[in-house]
Amino acid sequence: MSHFARTRISRAPAKVQEVIQAEATTLGVPLEQATAALREDPQQYARIEQVAWHLMAVGYVMNKAQVHFAGA
């Protein structure tokens, strides 16, 4: 198992909830309603999980990245 996987697996459910909260806020629906709707539609819930994993992966990479500006 990769270092990323070991350090991030336990955070996946929290990140999924964060993504659901963001979508619920954008749509103007209560979190509970959005969560219930997503759990009834496995394809949409899987999409949210994919987004959460993607965001965690990007966050991990960006935390490790070193940006150097030319001429700075």
PDB file of N, CA and C in Angstrom:
ATOM      1  N   MET A   1       0.858  -1.176   0.000  1.00  0.00           N
ATOM      2  CA  MET A   1       0.000   0.000   0.000  1.00  0.00           C
ATOM      3  C   MET A   1       0.900   1.234   0.000  1.00  0.00           C
ATOM      4  N   SER A   2       0.550   2.220  -0.808  1.00  0.00           N
ATOM      5  CA  SER A   2       1.373   3.420  -0.920  1.00  0.00           C
ATOM      6  C   SER A   2       1.259   4.283   0.334  1.00  0.00           C
ATOM      7  N   HIS A   3       2.211   5.172   0.473  1.00  0.00           N
ATOM      8  CA  HIS A   3       2.191   6.118   1.597  1.00  0.00           C
ATOM      9  C   HIS A   3       0.921   6.960   1.544  1.00  0.00           C
ATOM     10  N   PHE A   4       0.552   7.402   0.335  1.00  0.00           N
ATOM     11  CA  PHE A   4      -0.673   8.195   0.178  1.00  0.00           C
ATOM     12  C   PHE A   4      -1.871   7.412   0.698  1.00  0.00           C
ATOM     13  N   ALA A   5      -1.989   6.176   0.292  1.00  0.00           N
ATOM     14  CA  ALA A   5      -3.133   5.358   0.705  1.00  0.00           C
ATOM     15  C   ALA A   5      -3.156   5.167   2.222  1.00  0.00           C
ATOM     16  N   ARG A   6      -1.999   4.885   2.800  1.00  0.00           N
ATOM     17  CA  ARG A   6      -1.950   4.674   4.252  1.00  0.00           C
ATOM     18  C   ARG A   6      -2.340   5.923   5.023  1.00  0.00           C
ATOM     19  N   THR A   7      -1.908   7.080   4.553  1.00  0.00           N
ATOM     20  CA  THR A   7      -2.155   8.300   5.310  1.00  0.00           C
ATOM     21  C   THR A   7      -3.520   8.906   5.030  1.00  0.00           C
ATOM     22  N   ARG A   8      -4.172   8.517   3.962  1.00  0.00           N
ATOM     23  CA  ARG A   8      -5.409   9.182   3.566  1.00  0.00           C
ATOM     24  C   ARG A   8      -6.674   8.339   3.678  1.00  0.00           C
ATOM     25  N   ILE A   9      -6.550   7.022   3.767  1.00  0.00           N
ATOM     26  CA  ILE A   9      -7.748   6.175   3.781  1.00  0.00           C
ATOM     27  C   ILE A   9      -8.688   6.552   4.905  1.00  0.00           C
ATOM     28  N   SER A  10      -8.164   6.805   6.088  1.00  0.00           N
ATOM     29  CA  SER A  10      -9.035   7.124   7.215  1.00  0.00           C
ATOM     30  C   SER A  10      -9.722   8.476   7.045  1.00  0.00           C
ATOM     31  N   ARG A  11      -9.200   9.314   6.159  1.00  0.00           N
ATOM     32  CA  ARG A  11      -9.800  10.626   5.931  1.00  0.00           C
ATOM     33  C   ARG A  11     -10.847  10.615   4.829  1.00  0.00           C
ATOM     34  N   ALA A  12     -10.966   9.515   4.099  1.00  0.00           N
ATOM     35  CA  ALA A  12     -11.886   9.457   2.956  1.00  0.00           C
ATOM     36  C   ALA A  12     -13.334   9.754   3.335  1.00  0.00           C
ATOM     37  N   PRO A  13     -13.893   9.135   4.380  1.00  0.00           N
ATOM     38  CA  PRO A  13     -15.296   9.449   4.711  1.00  0.00           C
ATOM     39  C   PRO A  13     -15.519  10.921   5.039  1.00  0.00           C
ATOM     40  N   ALA A  14     -14.575  11.536   5.712  1.00  0.00           N
ATOM     41  CA  ALA A  14     -14.707  12.959   6.040  1.00  0.00           C
ATOM     42  C   ALA A  14     -14.665  13.807   4.771  1.00  0.00           C
ATOM     43  N   LYS A  15     -13.807  13.433   3.835  1.00  0.00           N
ATOM     44  CA  LYS A  15     -13.699  14.190   2.581  1.00  0.00           C
ATOM     45  C   LYS A  15     -14.967  14.008   1.756  1.00  0.00           C
ATOM     46  N   VAL A  16     -15.541  12.804   1.766  1.00  0.00           N
ATOM     47  CA  VAL A  16     -16.805  12.568   1.061  1.00  0.00           C
ATOM     48  C   VAL A  16     -17.880  13.484   1.643  1.00  0.00           C
ATOM     49  N   GLN A  17     -17.958  13.567   2.959  1.00  0.00           N
ATOM     50  CA  GLN A  17     -18.946  14.440   3.602  1.00  0.00           C
ATOM     51  C   GLN A  17     -18.701  15.897   3.238  1.00  0.00           C
ATOM     52  N   GLU A  18     -17.449  16.283   3.148  1.00  0.00           N
ATOM     53  CA  GLU A  18     -17.104  17.655   2.773  1.00  0.00           C
ATOM     54  C   GLU A  18     -17.596  17.970   1.358  1.00  0.00           C
ATOM     55  N   VAL A  19     -17.404  17.027   0.443  1.00  0.00           N
ATOM     56  CA  VAL A  19     -17.855  17.220  -0.941  1.00  0.00           C
ATOM     57  C   VAL A  19     -19.385  17.265  -0.997  1.00  0.00           C
ATOM     58  N   ILE A  20     -20.036  16.370  -0.259  1.00  0.00           N
ATOM     59  CA  ILE A  20     -21.504  16.377  -0.218  1.00  0.00           C
ATOM     60  C   ILE A  20     -22.006  17.704   0.342  1.00  0.00           C
ATOM     61  N   GLN A  21     -21.377  18.195   1.405  1.00  0.00           N
ATOM     62  CA  GLN A  21     -21.768  19.479   1.995  1.00  0.00           C
ATOM     63  C   GLN A  21     -21.631  20.604   0.979  1.00  0.00           C
ATOM     64  N   ALA A  22     -20.542  20.613   0.244  1.00  0.00           N
ATOM     65  CA  ALA A  22     -20.322  21.658  -0.761  1.00  0.00           C
ATOM     66  C   ALA A  22     -21.395  21.606  -1.846  1.00  0.00           C
ATOM     67  N   GLU A  23     -21.725  20.396  -2.297  1.00  0.00           N
ATOM     68  CA  GLU A  23     -22.757  20.265  -3.324  1.00  0.00           C
ATOM     69  C   GLU A  23     -24.128  20.649  -2.775  1.00  0.00           C
ATOM     70  N   ALA A  24     -24.408  20.247  -1.541  1.00  0.00           N
ATOM     71  CA  ALA A  24     -25.697  20.595  -0.929  1.00  0.00           C
ATOM     72  C   ALA A  24     -25.828  22.110  -0.802  1.00  0.00           C
ATOM     73  N   THR A  25     -24.775  22.755  -0.372  1.00  0.00           N
ATOM     74  CA  THR A  25     -24.785  24.210  -0.235  1.00  0.00           C
ATOM     75  C   THR A  25     -25.011  24.876  -1.590  1.00  0.00           C
ATOM     76  N   THR A  26     -24.310  24.388  -2.603  1.00  0.00           N
ATOM     77  CA  THR A  26     -24.460  24.936  -3.952  1.00  0.00           C
ATOM     78  C   THR A  26     -25.890  24.787  -4.455  1.00  0.00           C
ATOM     79  N   LEU A  27     -26.499  23.642  -4.159  1.00  0.00           N
ATOM     80  CA  LEU A  27     -27.865  23.377  -4.620  1.00  0.00           C
ATOM     81  C   LEU A  27     -28.925  23.983  -3.709  1.00  0.00           C
ATOM     82  N   GLY A  28     -28.520  24.429  -2.534  1.00  0.00           N
ATOM     83  CA  GLY A  28     -29.470  25.013  -1.595  1.00  0.00           C
ATOM     84  C   GLY A  28     -30.374  24.001  -0.924  1.00  0.00           C
ATOM     85  N   VAL A  29     -29.841  22.789  -0.692  1.00  0.00           N
ATOM     86  CA  VAL A  29     -30.613  21.755  -0.001  1.00  0.00           C
ATOM     87  C   VAL A  29     -29.913  21.381   1.307  1.00  0.00           C
ATOM     88  N   PRO A  30     -30.669  20.906   2.286  1.00  0.00           N
ATOM     89  CA  PRO A  30     -30.043  20.481   3.547  1.00  0.00           C
ATOM     90  C   PRO A  30     -29.087  19.301   3.318  1.00  0.00           C
ATOM     91  N   LEU A  31     -28.041  19.248   4.113  1.00  0.00           N
ATOM     92  CA  LEU A  31     -27.061  18.170   4.010  1.00  0.00           C
ATOM     93  C   LEU A  31     -27.711  16.803   4.117  1.00  0.00           C
ATOM     94  N   GLU A  32     -28.640  16.653   5.049  1.00  0.00           N
ATOM     95  CA  GLU A  32     -29.298  15.351   5.247  1.00  0.00           C
ATOM     96  C   GLU A  32     -30.044  14.913   3.988  1.00  0.00           C
ATOM     97  N   GLN A  33     -30.699  15.854   3.328  1.00  0.00           N
ATOM     98  CA  GLN A  33     -31.442  15.540   2.103  1.00  0.00           C
ATOM     99  C   GLN A  33     -30.486  15.135   0.983  1.00  0.00           C
ATOM    100  N   ALA A  34     -29.390  15.856   0.849  1.00  0.00           N
ATOM    101  CA  ALA A  34     -28.409  15.534  -0.182  1.00  0.00           C
ATOM    102  C   ALA A  34     -27.779  14.168   0.078  1.00  0.00           C
ATOM    103  N   THR A  35     -27.438  13.890   1.325  1.00  0.00           N
ATOM    104  CA  THR A  35     -26.837  12.602   1.679  1.00  0.00           C
ATOM    105  C   THR A  35     -27.802  11.464   1.391  1.00  0.00           C
ATOM    106  N   ALA A  36     -29.071  11.622   1.778  1.00  0.00           N
ATOM    107  CA  ALA A  36     -30.069  10.584   1.536  1.00  0.00           C
ATOM    108  C   ALA A  36     -30.255  10.344   0.041  1.00  0.00           C
ATOM    109  N   ALA A  37     -30.307  11.409  -0.735  1.00  0.00           N
ATOM    110  CA  ALA A  37     -30.490  11.280  -2.185  1.00  0.00           C
ATOM    111  C   ALA A  37     -29.308  10.552  -2.817  1.00  0.00           C
ATOM    112  N   LEU A  38     -28.104  10.876  -2.370  1.00  0.00           N
ATOM    113  CA  LEU A  38     -26.920  10.227  -2.931  1.00  0.00           C
ATOM    114  C   LEU A  38     -26.845   8.761  -2.543  1.00  0.00           C
ATOM    115  N   ARG A  39     -27.254   8.426  -1.349  1.00  0.00           N
ATOM    116  CA  ARG A  39     -27.217   7.021  -0.920  1.00  0.00           C
ATOM    117  C   ARG A  39     -28.240   6.185  -1.688  1.00  0.00           C
ATOM    118  N   GLU A  40     -29.298   6.819  -2.168  1.00  0.00           N
ATOM    119  CA  GLU A  40     -30.297   6.103  -2.969  1.00  0.00           C
ATOM    120  C   GLU A  40     -29.834   5.903  -4.405  1.00  0.00           C
ATOM    121  N   ASP A  41     -28.845   6.645  -4.839  1.00  0.00           N
ATOM    122  CA  ASP A  41     -28.337   6.548  -6.210  1.00  0.00           C
ATOM    123  C   ASP A  41     -26.851   6.173  -6.163  1.00  0.00           C
ATOM    124  N   PRO A  42     -26.563   4.875  -6.213  1.00  0.00           N
ATOM    125  CA  PRO A  42     -25.175   4.420  -6.069  1.00  0.00           C
ATOM    126  C   PRO A  42     -24.210   5.026  -7.091  1.00  0.00           C
ATOM    127  N   GLN A  43     -24.677   5.290  -8.292  1.00  0.00           N
ATOM    128  CA  GLN A  43     -23.786   5.883  -9.294  1.00  0.00           C
ATOM    129  C   GLN A  43     -23.378   7.299  -8.905  1.00  0.00           C
ATOM    130  N   GLN A  44     -24.304   8.075  -8.406  1.00  0.00           N
ATOM    131  CA  GLN A  44     -23.981   9.435  -7.990  1.00  0.00           C
ATOM    132  C   GLN A  44     -23.099   9.431  -6.747  1.00  0.00           C
ATOM    133  N   TYR A  45     -23.375   8.509  -5.825  1.00  0.00           N
ATOM    134  CA  TYR A  45     -22.536   8.415  -4.631  1.00  0.00           C
ATOM    135  C   TYR A  45     -21.109   8.025  -5.019  1.00  0.00           C
ATOM    136  N   ALA A  46     -20.976   7.123  -5.984  1.00  0.00           N
ATOM    137  CA  ALA A  46     -19.653   6.717  -6.465  1.00  0.00           C
ATOM    138  C   ALA A  46     -18.941   7.909  -7.106  1.00  0.00           C
ATOM    139  N   ARG A  47     -19.684   8.758  -7.795  1.00  0.00           N
ATOM    140  CA  ARG A  47     -19.093   9.955  -8.397  1.00  0.00           C
ATOM    141  C   ARG A  47     -18.559  10.882  -7.311  1.00  0.00           C
ATOM    142  N   ILE A  48     -19.324  11.051  -6.245  1.00  0.00           N
ATOM    143  CA  ILE A  48     -18.884  11.896  -5.132  1.00  0.00           C
ATOM    144  C   ILE A  48     -17.628  11.313  -4.483  1.00  0.00           C
ATOM    145  N   GLU A  49     -17.608   9.993  -4.306  1.00  0.00           N
ATOM    146  CA  GLU A  49     -16.404   9.350  -3.742  1.00  0.00           C
ATOM    147  C   GLU A  49     -15.194   9.584  -4.635  1.00  0.00           C
ATOM    148  N   GLN A  50     -15.389   9.491  -5.952  1.00  0.00           N
ATOM    149  CA  GLN A  50     -14.286   9.734  -6.880  1.00  0.00           C
ATOM    150  C   GLN A  50     -13.779  11.162  -6.757  1.00  0.00           C
ATOM    151  N   VAL A  51     -14.687  12.112  -6.664  1.00  0.00           N
ATOM    152  CA  VAL A  51     -14.297  13.512  -6.511  1.00  0.00           C
ATOM    153  C   VAL A  51     -13.513  13.685  -5.212  1.00  0.00           C
ATOM    154  N   ALA A  52     -13.986  13.070  -4.141  1.00  0.00           N
ATOM    155  CA  ALA A  52     -13.296  13.182  -2.850  1.00  0.00           C
ATOM    156  C   ALA A  52     -11.881  12.615  -2.938  1.00  0.00           C
ATOM    157  N   TRP A  53     -11.729  11.435  -3.535  1.00  0.00           N
ATOM    158  CA  TRP A  53     -10.395  10.844  -3.686  1.00  0.00           C
ATOM    159  C   TRP A  53      -9.510  11.724  -4.557  1.00  0.00           C
ATOM    160  N   HIS A  54     -10.070  12.272  -5.624  1.00  0.00           N
ATOM    161  CA  HIS A  54      -9.306  13.151  -6.498  1.00  0.00           C
ATOM    162  C   HIS A  54      -8.811  14.373  -5.725  1.00  0.00           C
ATOM    163  N   LEU A  55      -9.694  14.988  -4.967  1.00  0.00           N
ATOM    164  CA  LEU A  55      -9.309  16.165  -4.186  1.00  0.00           C
ATOM    165  C   LEU A  55      -8.241  15.832  -3.154  1.00  0.00           C
ATOM    166  N   MET A  56      -8.357  14.670  -2.526  1.00  0.00           N
ATOM    167  CA  MET A  56      -7.328  14.270  -1.555  1.00  0.00           C
ATOM    168  C   MET A  56      -5.988  14.045  -2.244  1.00  0.00           C
ATOM    169  N   ALA A  57      -6.016  13.408  -3.425  1.00  0.00           N
ATOM    170  CA  ALA A  57      -4.773  13.157  -4.164  1.00  0.00           C
ATOM    171  C   ALA A  57      -4.124  14.468  -4.596  1.00  0.00           C
ATOM    172  N   VAL A  58      -4.916  15.381  -5.124  1.00  0.00           N
ATOM    173  CA  VAL A  58      -4.382  16.675  -5.541  1.00  0.00           C
ATOM    174  C   VAL A  58      -3.828  17.427  -4.325  1.00  0.00           C
ATOM    175  N   GLY A  59      -4.553  17.397  -3.228  1.00  0.00           N
ATOM    176  CA  GLY A  59      -4.072  18.052  -2.009  1.00  0.00           C
ATOM    177  C   GLY A  59      -2.763  17.469  -1.536  1.00  0.00           C
ATOM    178  N   TYR A  60      -2.636  16.146  -1.596  1.00  0.00           N
ATOM    179  CA  TYR A  60      -1.403  15.473  -1.177  1.00  0.00           C
ATOM    180  C   TYR A  60      -0.235  15.916  -2.050  1.00  0.00           C
ATOM    181  N   VAL A  61      -0.449  15.905  -3.356  1.00  0.00           N
ATOM    182  CA  VAL A  61       0.616  16.291  -4.286  1.00  0.00           C
ATOM    183  C   VAL A  61       0.992  17.754  -4.093  1.00  0.00           C
ATOM    184  N   MET A  62      -0.003  18.603  -3.944  1.00  0.00           N
ATOM    185  CA  MET A  62       0.281  20.031  -3.776  1.00  0.00           C
ATOM    186  C   MET A  62       1.005  20.309  -2.459  1.00  0.00           C
ATOM    187  N   ASN A  63       0.741  19.530  -1.438  1.00  0.00           N
ATOM    188  CA  ASN A  63       1.457  19.696  -0.172  1.00  0.00           C
ATOM    189  C   ASN A  63       2.924  19.296  -0.308  1.00  0.00           C
ATOM    190  N   LYS A  64       3.230  18.401  -1.241  1.00  0.00           N
ATOM    191  CA  LYS A  64       4.594  17.941  -1.448  1.00  0.00           C
ATOM    192  C   LYS A  64       5.333  18.772  -2.500  1.00  0.00           C
ATOM    193  N   ALA A  65       4.584  19.506  -3.302  1.00  0.00           N
ATOM    194  CA  ALA A  65       5.180  20.252  -4.435  1.00  0.00           C
ATOM    195  C   ALA A  65       5.997  21.438  -3.934  1.00  0.00           C
ATOM    196  N   GLN A  66       7.014  21.725  -4.693  1.00  0.00           N
ATOM    197  CA  GLN A  66       7.803  22.919  -4.465  1.00  0.00           C
ATOM    198  C   GLN A  66       7.737  23.736  -5.747  1.00  0.00           C
ATOM    199  N   VAL A  67       7.227  24.930  -5.629  1.00  0.00           N
ATOM    200  CA  VAL A  67       7.055  25.789  -6.796  1.00  0.00           C
ATOM    201  C   VAL A  67       8.198  26.794  -6.835  1.00  0.00           C
ATOM    202  N   HIS A  68       8.840  26.889  -7.965  1.00  0.00           N
ATOM    203  CA  HIS A  68       9.930  27.825  -8.158  1.00  0.00           C
ATOM    204  C   HIS A  68       9.542  28.745  -9.314  1.00  0.00           C
ATOM    205  N   PHE A  69       9.602  30.028  -9.078  1.00  0.00           N
ATOM    206  CA  PHE A  69       9.265  30.998 -10.107  1.00  0.00           C
ATOM    207  C   PHE A  69      10.543  31.462 -10.800  1.00  0.00           C
ATOM    208  N   ALA A  70      10.504  31.479 -12.120  1.00  0.00           N
ATOM    209  CA  ALA A  70      11.658  31.943 -12.890  1.00  0.00           C
ATOM    210  C   ALA A  70      11.900  33.419 -12.604  1.00  0.00           C
ATOM    211  N   GLY A  71      13.122  33.774 -12.340  1.00  0.00           N
ATOM    212  CA  GLY A  71      13.479  35.165 -12.109  1.00  0.00           C
ATOM    213  C   GLY A  71      13.174  35.667 -10.706  1.00  0.00           C
ATOM    214  N   ALA A  72      12.715  34.794  -9.845  1.00  0.00           N
ATOM    215  CA  ALA A  72      12.395  35.231  -8.484  1.00  0.00           C
ATOM    216  C   ALA A  72      13.546  35.018  -7.541  1.00  0.00           C
TER     217      ALA A  72
END
